Amino acid sequence: MLALNIDQETDHRIMASVGTVTHVIDFRRAWVTLHGQGDAHRVLACTAFPLRVSDTGRRIVLLPLSREFPPWIAVAFLPDDHNPHPIDLTLSTGRSALILGADGRVILRGEHIITEAKTTLRLRGGRVEIN
């Protein structure tokens, strides 16, 4: 289970889960087996991207849409070690995006980007360019 902190001031968190696609219903819905605390169980998940029957067996990241009854939305596939064509993972909203490239690139795009650190903020690289 992954915790995504979406509001530091009020400490609201979204608990993401990882599951395995067990049956693709159509291009936007699938049955997913969640593994975690206790026994595994199947849930119906909608997706933010198109599905194919060949996605059966792939690991997928799910976010709950409600705290009371969790209808799930799948937001990303986890990389497969046996996948010969790894894909980039993009998280975007509005005019901002975080792109994790399969080749090791990390791209952060936005109108205003704020970096905060309680202690030391370090930038390291073979070459660091500012402006």
C-alpha atoms as a PDB file:
ATOM      1  CA  MET A   1       0.000   0.000   0.000  1.00  0.00           C
ATOM      2  CA  LEU A   2       1.278   3.468  -0.891  1.00  0.00           C
ATOM      3  CA  ALA A   3       0.413   6.684   0.948  1.00  0.00           C
ATOM      4  CA  LEU A   4       0.054   9.837  -1.122  1.00  0.00           C
ATOM      5  CA  ASN A   5      -0.024  12.988   1.003  1.00  0.00           C
ATOM      6  CA  ILE A   6      -2.237  15.443  -0.879  1.00  0.00           C
ATOM      7  CA  ASP A   7      -2.565  18.198   1.724  1.00  0.00           C
ATOM      8  CA  GLN A   8       0.226  18.703   4.270  1.00  0.00           C
ATOM      9  CA  GLU A   9      -1.671  21.236   6.381  1.00  0.00           C
ATOM     10  CA  THR A  10      -4.618  18.940   7.132  1.00  0.00           C
ATOM     11  CA  ASP A  11      -2.700  15.684   6.511  1.00  0.00           C
ATOM     12  CA  HIS A  12      -5.288  14.201   4.131  1.00  0.00           C
ATOM     13  CA  ARG A  13      -3.903  11.065   2.558  1.00  0.00           C
ATOM     14  CA  ILE A  14      -4.999   8.846  -0.279  1.00  0.00           C
ATOM     15  CA  MET A  15      -4.085   5.224   0.271  1.00  0.00           C
ATOM     16  CA  ALA A  16      -3.126   3.684  -3.055  1.00  0.00           C
ATOM     17  CA  SER A  17      -3.099  -0.079  -3.472  1.00  0.00           C
ATOM     18  CA  VAL A  18      -1.305  -2.399  -5.861  1.00  0.00           C
ATOM     19  CA  GLY A  19      -3.156  -5.258  -7.495  1.00  0.00           C
ATOM     20  CA  THR A  20      -3.018  -7.657 -10.417  1.00  0.00           C
ATOM     21  CA  VAL A  21      -5.380  -7.470 -13.399  1.00  0.00           C
ATOM     22  CA  THR A  22      -7.264 -10.780 -13.435  1.00  0.00           C
ATOM     23  CA  HIS A  23      -9.915 -10.129 -16.106  1.00  0.00           C
ATOM     24  CA  VAL A  24     -10.365  -7.288 -18.603  1.00  0.00           C
ATOM     25  CA  ILE A  25     -14.099  -6.564 -19.056  1.00  0.00           C
ATOM     26  CA  ASP A  26     -13.748  -3.848 -21.688  1.00  0.00           C
ATOM     27  CA  PHE A  27     -11.267  -1.116 -22.590  1.00  0.00           C
ATOM     28  CA  ARG A  28     -12.004   0.892 -19.384  1.00  0.00           C
ATOM     29  CA  ARG A  29     -12.938  -1.747 -16.738  1.00  0.00           C
ATOM     30  CA  ALA A  30     -11.236  -4.772 -15.219  1.00  0.00           C
ATOM     31  CA  TRP A  31     -11.357  -7.114 -12.254  1.00  0.00           C
ATOM     32  CA  VAL A  32      -8.252  -6.630 -10.114  1.00  0.00           C
ATOM     33  CA  THR A  33      -7.003  -8.827  -7.280  1.00  0.00           C
ATOM     34  CA  LEU A  34      -5.689  -6.712  -4.398  1.00  0.00           C
ATOM     35  CA  HIS A  35      -2.892  -8.154  -2.292  1.00  0.00           C
ATOM     36  CA  GLY A  36      -2.115  -6.643   1.051  1.00  0.00           C
ATOM     37  CA  GLN A  37      -3.244  -6.973   4.612  1.00  0.00           C
ATOM     38  CA  GLY A  38      -4.868 -10.357   5.044  1.00  0.00           C
ATOM     39  CA  ASP A  39      -6.442 -12.309   2.221  1.00  0.00           C
ATOM     40  CA  ALA A  40      -6.397 -11.185  -1.382  1.00  0.00           C
ATOM     41  CA  HIS A  41      -9.750 -10.026  -2.749  1.00  0.00           C
ATOM     42  CA  ARG A  42     -11.098  -8.972  -6.150  1.00  0.00           C
ATOM     43  CA  VAL A  43     -12.407  -5.496  -6.907  1.00  0.00           C
ATOM     44  CA  LEU A  44     -13.889  -3.884  -9.985  1.00  0.00           C
ATOM     45  CA  ALA A  45     -11.729  -1.006 -11.228  1.00  0.00           C
ATOM     46  CA  CYS A  46     -12.246   1.683 -13.840  1.00  0.00           C
ATOM     47  CA  THR A  47      -9.157   2.898 -15.635  1.00  0.00           C
ATOM     48  CA  ALA A  48      -7.763   6.259 -16.645  1.00  0.00           C
ATOM     49  CA  PHE A  49      -6.279   4.612 -19.764  1.00  0.00           C
ATOM     50  CA  PRO A  50      -7.374   1.977 -22.290  1.00  0.00           C
ATOM     51  CA  LEU A  51      -6.998  -1.714 -21.413  1.00  0.00           C
ATOM     52  CA  ARG A  52      -6.274  -4.720 -23.615  1.00  0.00           C
ATOM     53  CA  VAL A  53      -6.853  -8.405 -22.902  1.00  0.00           C
ATOM     54  CA  SER A  54      -3.054  -8.775 -22.974  1.00  0.00           C
ATOM     55  CA  ASP A  55      -2.916  -6.607 -19.794  1.00  0.00           C
ATOM     56  CA  THR A  56      -4.221  -9.592 -17.786  1.00  0.00           C
ATOM     57  CA  GLY A  57      -1.595 -10.490 -15.188  1.00  0.00           C
ATOM     58  CA  ARG A  58       0.007  -7.041 -15.061  1.00  0.00           C
ATOM     59  CA  ARG A  59       0.459  -5.204 -11.765  1.00  0.00           C
ATOM     60  CA  ILE A  60      -1.541  -1.987 -11.495  1.00  0.00           C
ATOM     61  CA  VAL A  61      -1.781   0.977  -9.065  1.00  0.00           C
ATOM     62  CA  LEU A  62      -5.307   1.726  -7.782  1.00  0.00           C
ATOM     63  CA  LEU A  63      -6.712   4.770  -5.972  1.00  0.00           C
ATOM     64  CA  PRO A  64     -10.000   4.679  -4.044  1.00  0.00           C
ATOM     65  CA  LEU A  65     -12.628   7.192  -5.149  1.00  0.00           C
ATOM     66  CA  SER A  66     -14.444   7.102  -1.797  1.00  0.00           C
ATOM     67  CA  ARG A  67     -13.538   6.276   1.801  1.00  0.00           C
ATOM     68  CA  GLU A  68     -16.884   4.627   2.614  1.00  0.00           C
ATOM     69  CA  PHE A  69     -17.196   2.216  -0.316  1.00  0.00           C
ATOM     70  CA  PRO A  70     -14.040   2.095  -2.362  1.00  0.00           C
ATOM     71  CA  PRO A  71     -14.847   2.060  -6.054  1.00  0.00           C
ATOM     72  CA  TRP A  72     -11.351   1.959  -7.495  1.00  0.00           C
ATOM     73  CA  ILE A  73      -9.704   3.807 -10.353  1.00  0.00           C
ATOM     74  CA  ALA A  74      -6.555   2.398 -11.901  1.00  0.00           C
ATOM     75  CA  VAL A  75      -4.002   5.129 -12.525  1.00  0.00           C
ATOM     76  CA  ALA A  76      -0.853   3.335 -13.733  1.00  0.00           C
ATOM     77  CA  PHE A  77       0.719   0.011 -14.535  1.00  0.00           C
ATOM     78  CA  LEU A  78       3.803  -0.948 -12.575  1.00  0.00           C
ATOM     79  CA  PRO A  79       6.796  -1.748 -14.760  1.00  0.00           C
ATOM     80  CA  ASP A  80       7.162  -5.422 -15.649  1.00  0.00           C
ATOM     81  CA  ASP A  81      10.627  -6.938 -15.475  1.00  0.00           C
ATOM     82  CA  HIS A  82       9.710  -9.117 -18.451  1.00  0.00           C
ATOM     83  CA  ASN A  83       8.172  -6.278 -20.472  1.00  0.00           C
ATOM     84  CA  PRO A  84      10.417  -5.765 -23.527  1.00  0.00           C
ATOM     85  CA  HIS A  85       8.887  -2.310 -24.112  1.00  0.00           C
ATOM     86  CA  PRO A  86       8.901  -0.385 -20.817  1.00  0.00           C
ATOM     87  CA  ILE A  87       6.693   2.694 -20.780  1.00  0.00           C
ATOM     88  CA  ASP A  88       6.955   6.134 -19.220  1.00  0.00           C
ATOM     89  CA  LEU A  89       4.714   6.881 -16.235  1.00  0.00           C
ATOM     90  CA  THR A  90       2.982  10.283 -16.341  1.00  0.00           C
ATOM     91  CA  LEU A  91       1.038  11.876 -13.505  1.00  0.00           C
ATOM     92  CA  SER A  92      -0.656  15.072 -14.652  1.00  0.00           C
ATOM     93  CA  THR A  93      -3.360  17.491 -13.638  1.00  0.00           C
ATOM     94  CA  GLY A  94      -4.247  20.832 -15.192  1.00  0.00           C
ATOM     95  CA  ARG A  95      -1.077  22.434 -16.530  1.00  0.00           C
ATOM     96  CA  SER A  96       1.402  20.398 -14.447  1.00  0.00           C
ATOM     97  CA  ALA A  97       2.971  16.987 -14.937  1.00  0.00           C
ATOM     98  CA  LEU A  98       5.508  14.593 -13.455  1.00  0.00           C
ATOM     99  CA  ILE A  99       6.971  12.177 -15.986  1.00  0.00           C
ATOM    100  CA  LEU A 100       9.065   9.185 -14.931  1.00  0.00           C
ATOM    101  CA  GLY A 101      10.852   7.847 -17.989  1.00  0.00           C
ATOM    102  CA  ALA A 102      11.645   4.171 -18.374  1.00  0.00           C
ATOM    103  CA  ASP A 103      15.132   5.284 -19.425  1.00  0.00           C
ATOM    104  CA  GLY A 104      15.765   7.043 -16.065  1.00  0.00           C
ATOM    105  CA  ARG A 105      14.602  10.548 -16.999  1.00  0.00           C
ATOM    106  CA  VAL A 106      12.479  12.504 -14.514  1.00  0.00           C
ATOM    107  CA  ILE A 107      10.656  15.527 -15.916  1.00  0.00           C
ATOM    108  CA  LEU A 108       8.719  17.980 -13.738  1.00  0.00           C
ATOM    109  CA  ARG A 109       6.568  20.520 -15.614  1.00  0.00           C
ATOM    110  CA  GLY A 110       4.438  23.333 -14.244  1.00  0.00           C
ATOM    111  CA  GLU A 111       3.643  27.037 -14.195  1.00  0.00           C
ATOM    112  CA  HIS A 112       5.131  27.512 -10.697  1.00  0.00           C
ATOM    113  CA  ILE A 113       7.397  24.866  -9.141  1.00  0.00           C
ATOM    114  CA  ILE A 114       8.141  25.157  -5.437  1.00  0.00           C
ATOM    115  CA  THR A 115      10.849  23.141  -3.716  1.00  0.00           C
ATOM    116  CA  GLU A 116      10.874  22.971   0.080  1.00  0.00           C
ATOM    117  CA  ALA A 117      13.256  21.262   2.483  1.00  0.00           C
ATOM    118  CA  LYS A 118      13.314  21.218   6.281  1.00  0.00           C
ATOM    119  CA  THR A 119      17.043  20.583   6.297  1.00  0.00           C
ATOM    120  CA  THR A 120      19.346  20.596   3.258  1.00  0.00           C
ATOM    121  CA  LEU A 121      18.229  20.646  -0.377  1.00  0.00           C
ATOM    122  CA  ARG A 122      20.873  19.108  -2.632  1.00  0.00           C
ATOM    123  CA  LEU A 123      21.122  19.138  -6.413  1.00  0.00           C
ATOM    124  CA  ARG A 124      23.592  16.600  -7.755  1.00  0.00           C
ATOM    125  CA  GLY A 125      24.370  15.624 -11.282  1.00  0.00           C
ATOM    126  CA  GLY A 126      27.110  15.168 -13.814  1.00  0.00           C
ATOM    127  CA  ARG A 127      26.284  18.737 -14.799  1.00  0.00           C
ATOM    128  CA  VAL A 128      23.766  21.079 -13.128  1.00  0.00           C
ATOM    129  CA  GLU A 129      22.341  23.920 -15.217  1.00  0.00           C
ATOM    130  CA  ILE A 130      20.353  26.748 -13.631  1.00  0.00           C
ATOM    131  CA  ASN A 131      18.475  29.028 -16.070  1.00  0.00           C
END
